């Protein structure tokens, strides 16, 4: 399984210093990365494995949420196609490979 080849932003907005992004992720994974913004992730559909820092891998499904502190390495693996809502604060100026 390789990196997600399709990460479509269906909705994004810049509200009150935050960036809201809704992704449609096929089965795949994001490489380990970090960013200066705090991130709240909510799983709306699908099954995912999330690794944050040195913490054990978490199994996430619909209704699951995770909070990721600034500058903490993390990665996510989609076990099946799903939908993920990410909220970043402060506003995320750029998401690599996408305009925000």
Foldseek 3Di string as FASTA:
>chain_A
DAAFPAWDFPDWDQPPQKIKTKTWTAFHKDDWDFAQWKKKKAWQAAWKWKDWAPDDIDIDGHGDMDIHHHPIIMMMGTPGTTMMMMMTGRYDCDDPPDGD
